[in-house]
C-alpha atoms as a PDB file:
ATOM      1  CA  MET A   1      53.439   7.496  19.304  1.00  0.00           C
ATOM      2  CA  ARG A   2      53.918   5.838  15.932  1.00  0.00           C
ATOM      3  CA  TYR A   3      50.249   4.806  15.871  1.00  0.00           C
ATOM      4  CA  ARG A   4      49.109   8.350  16.550  1.00  0.00           C
ATOM      5  CA  ILE A   5      51.170   9.724  13.693  1.00  0.00           C
ATOM      6  CA  THR A   6      49.841   7.001  11.379  1.00  0.00           C
ATOM      7  CA  PHE A   7      46.281   7.716  12.499  1.00  0.00           C
ATOM      8  CA  VAL A   8      46.628  11.483  11.986  1.00  0.00           C
ATOM      9  CA  ALA A   9      48.264  10.985   8.573  1.00  0.00           C
ATOM     10  CA  GLY A  10      45.469   8.608   7.528  1.00  0.00           C
ATOM     11  CA  LEU A  11      42.881  11.074   8.781  1.00  0.00           C
ATOM     12  CA  ALA A  12      44.464  13.904   6.781  1.00  0.00           C
ATOM     13  CA  VAL A  13      44.679  11.848   3.564  1.00  0.00           C
ATOM     14  CA  GLY A  14      41.078  10.665   3.996  1.00  0.00           C
ATOM     15  CA  TYR A  15      39.927  14.230   4.551  1.00  0.00           C
ATOM     16  CA  VAL A  16      41.657  15.499   1.404  1.00  0.00           C
ATOM     17  CA  PHE A  17      40.319  12.711  -0.823  1.00  0.00           C
ATOM     18  CA  GLY A  18      36.869  12.883   0.795  1.00  0.00           C
ATOM     19  CA  ALA A  19      36.673  16.621   0.317  1.00  0.00           C
ATOM     20  CA  ARG A  20      37.456  16.345  -3.385  1.00  0.00           C
ATOM     21  CA  ALA A  21      34.970  13.527  -4.001  1.00  0.00           C
ATOM     22  CA  GLY A  22      32.480  14.983  -1.528  1.00  0.00           C
ATOM     23  CA  LYS A  23      32.107  18.337  -3.259  1.00  0.00           C
ATOM     24  CA  ALA A  24      31.356  16.763  -6.633  1.00  0.00           C
ATOM     25  CA  ARG A  25      28.865  14.337  -5.078  1.00  0.00           C
ATOM     26  CA  TYR A  26      27.269  17.158  -3.085  1.00  0.00           C
ATOM     27  CA  GLU A  27      26.771  19.222  -6.234  1.00  0.00           C
ATOM     28  CA  GLN A  28      25.232  16.228  -8.007  1.00  0.00           C
ATOM     29  CA  ILE A  29      22.792  15.611  -5.137  1.00  0.00           C
ATOM     30  CA  ALA A  30      21.921  19.325  -4.950  1.00  0.00           C
ATOM     31  CA  ARG A  31      21.162  19.503  -8.692  1.00  0.00           C
ATOM     32  CA  THR A  32      18.940  16.433  -8.481  1.00  0.00           C
ATOM     33  CA  ALA A  33      17.100  17.813  -5.438  1.00  0.00           C
ATOM     34  CA  ARG A  34      16.481  21.157  -7.171  1.00  0.00           C
ATOM     35  CA  ARG A  35      15.199  19.395 -10.294  1.00  0.00           C
ATOM     36  CA  ILE A  36      12.789  17.294  -8.204  1.00  0.00           C
ATOM     37  CA  ALA A  37      11.625  20.279  -6.130  1.00  0.00           C
ATOM     38  CA  ASP A  38      10.938  22.330  -9.275  1.00  0.00           C
ATOM     39  CA  SER A  39       8.868  19.538 -10.836  1.00  0.00           C
ATOM     40  CA  PRO A  40       5.240  20.607 -11.478  1.00  0.00           C
ATOM     41  CA  ALA A  41       3.923  17.314 -10.076  1.00  0.00           C
ATOM     42  CA  ILE A  42       5.845  17.828  -6.832  1.00  0.00           C
ATOM     43  CA  GLN A  43       4.682  21.450  -6.608  1.00  0.00           C
ATOM     44  CA  GLU A  44       1.047  20.383  -7.049  1.00  0.00           C
ATOM     45  CA  THR A  45       1.376  17.605  -4.471  1.00  0.00           C
ATOM     46  CA  ALA A  46       3.010  19.979  -1.995  1.00  0.00           C
ATOM     47  CA  GLY A  47       0.140  22.442  -2.440  1.00  0.00           C
ATOM     48  CA  LEU A  48      -2.464  19.726  -1.830  1.00  0.00           C
ATOM     49  CA  VAL A  49      -0.657  18.434   1.240  1.00  0.00           C
ATOM     50  CA  GLY A  50      -0.323  21.967   2.597  1.00  0.00           C
ATOM     51  CA  ALA A  51      -4.051  22.583   2.149  1.00  0.00           C
ATOM     52  CA  GLN A  52      -4.922  19.294   3.865  1.00  0.00           C
ATOM     53  CA  VAL A  53      -2.627  20.066   6.781  1.00  0.00           C
ATOM     54  CA  SER A  54      -4.179  23.508   7.134  1.00  0.00           C
ATOM     55  CA  THR A  55      -7.703  22.062   7.101  1.00  0.00           C
ATOM     56  CA  ALA A  56      -6.736  19.372   9.604  1.00  0.00           C
ATOM     57  CA  GLY A  57      -5.208  22.027  11.869  1.00  0.00           C
ATOM     58  CA  ARG A  58      -8.410  24.068  11.853  1.00  0.00           C
ATOM     59  CA  THR A  59     -10.473  20.927  12.579  1.00  0.00           C
ATOM     60  CA  VAL A  60      -8.256  19.943  15.503  1.00  0.00           C
ATOM     61  CA  TYR A  61      -8.348  23.487  16.868  1.00  0.00           C
ATOM     62  CA  SER A  62     -12.156  23.628  16.742  1.00  0.00           C
ATOM     63  CA  LYS A  63     -12.529  20.214  18.417  1.00  0.00           C
ATOM     64  CA  VAL A  64     -10.061  21.095  21.157  1.00  0.00           C
ATOM     65  CA  SER A  65     -11.709  24.463  21.761  1.00  0.00           C
ATOM     66  CA  GLU A  66     -15.085  22.683  22.135  1.00  0.00           C
ATOM     67  CA  LYS A  67     -13.639  20.362  24.779  1.00  0.00           C
ATOM     68  CA  LEU A  68     -11.635  23.060  26.543  1.00  0.00           C
ATOM     69  CA  PRO A  69     -13.629  26.296  26.438  1.00  0.00           C
ATOM     70  CA  VAL A  70     -10.855  28.527  27.742  1.00  0.00           C
ATOM     71  CA  ALA A  71     -10.573  32.169  26.777  1.00  0.00           C
ATOM     72  CA  SER A  72      -6.832  32.256  27.404  1.00  0.00           C
ATOM     73  CA  VAL A  73      -3.942  30.335  28.897  1.00  0.00           C
ATOM     74  CA  LYS A  74      -3.990  32.749  31.831  1.00  0.00           C
ATOM     75  CA  ASP A  75      -7.661  31.877  32.438  1.00  0.00           C
ATOM     76  CA  PHE A  76      -6.863  28.164  32.247  1.00  0.00           C
ATOM     77  CA  LEU A  77      -3.920  28.424  34.642  1.00  0.00           C
ATOM     78  CA  SER A  78      -5.884  30.502  37.155  1.00  0.00           C
ATOM     79  CA  ARG A  79      -8.537  27.797  37.539  1.00  0.00           C
ATOM     80  CA  PRO A  80      -8.190  25.635  40.662  1.00  0.00           C
ATOM     81  CA  THR A  81      -7.186  21.994  40.303  1.00  0.00           C
ATOM     82  CA  GLU A  82      -9.586  19.233  41.370  1.00  0.00           C
ATOM     83  CA  GLU A  83      -7.826  19.004  44.752  1.00  0.00           C
ATOM     84  CA  GLU A  84      -8.029  22.758  45.259  1.00  0.00           C
ATOM     85  CA  SER A  85     -11.712  22.747  44.289  1.00  0.00           C
ATOM     86  CA  ALA A  86     -12.397  19.984  46.828  1.00  0.00           C
ATOM     87  CA  GLU A  87     -10.612  21.974  49.545  1.00  0.00           C
ATOM     88  CA  LEU A  88     -12.568  25.111  48.671  1.00  0.00           C
ATOM     89  CA  HIS A  89     -15.828  23.147  48.633  1.00  0.00           C
ATOM     90  CA  ASN A  90     -15.119  21.571  52.048  1.00  0.00           C
ATOM     91  CA  ALA A  91     -14.080  24.861  53.630  1.00  0.00           C
ATOM     92  CA  GLY A  92     -16.430  26.453  56.142  1.00  0.00           C
ATOM     93  CA  PRO A  93     -18.060  29.877  55.780  1.00  0.00           C
ATOM     94  CA  ASN A  94     -15.003  31.686  57.158  1.00  0.00           C
ATOM     95  CA  GLY A  95     -12.667  29.888  54.714  1.00  0.00           C
ATOM     96  CA  ALA A  96     -11.332  27.403  57.202  1.00  0.00           C
ATOM     97  CA  ALA A  97     -11.698  23.666  56.792  1.00  0.00           C
ATOM     98  CA  PRO A  98     -14.110  21.943  59.197  1.00  0.00           C
ATOM     99  CA  GLY A  99     -12.428  21.023  62.480  1.00  0.00           C
ATOM    100  CA  ASP A 100      -9.678  23.548  61.900  1.00  0.00           C
ATOM    101  CA  GLY A 101     -11.113  26.025  64.345  1.00  0.00           C
ATOM    102  CA  GLY A 102     -10.563  28.899  61.973  1.00  0.00           C
ATOM    103  CA  HIS A 103      -6.844  29.069  62.697  1.00  0.00           C
END
């Protein structure tokens, strides 16, 4: 029991001292981050990166749409799989597989 009380007391003291030092450090980090984010060089770089990402996204979309000419996800999901296509191809005129007897 003595160890629990010591642990809880140490935790409480650490929390109090950490909270006091933590708030000041947090404010310092926040000020520095705002100053960096407001920098014209950072703003320009962010704009260039955003434009490149947008261009790359359009390029990827066009290449994927060339490889997968699908009008919609519903259209894509309604297409039969390779196994289903093989079954449909091997089915007889009445829809039954050969040797099935139509039952």
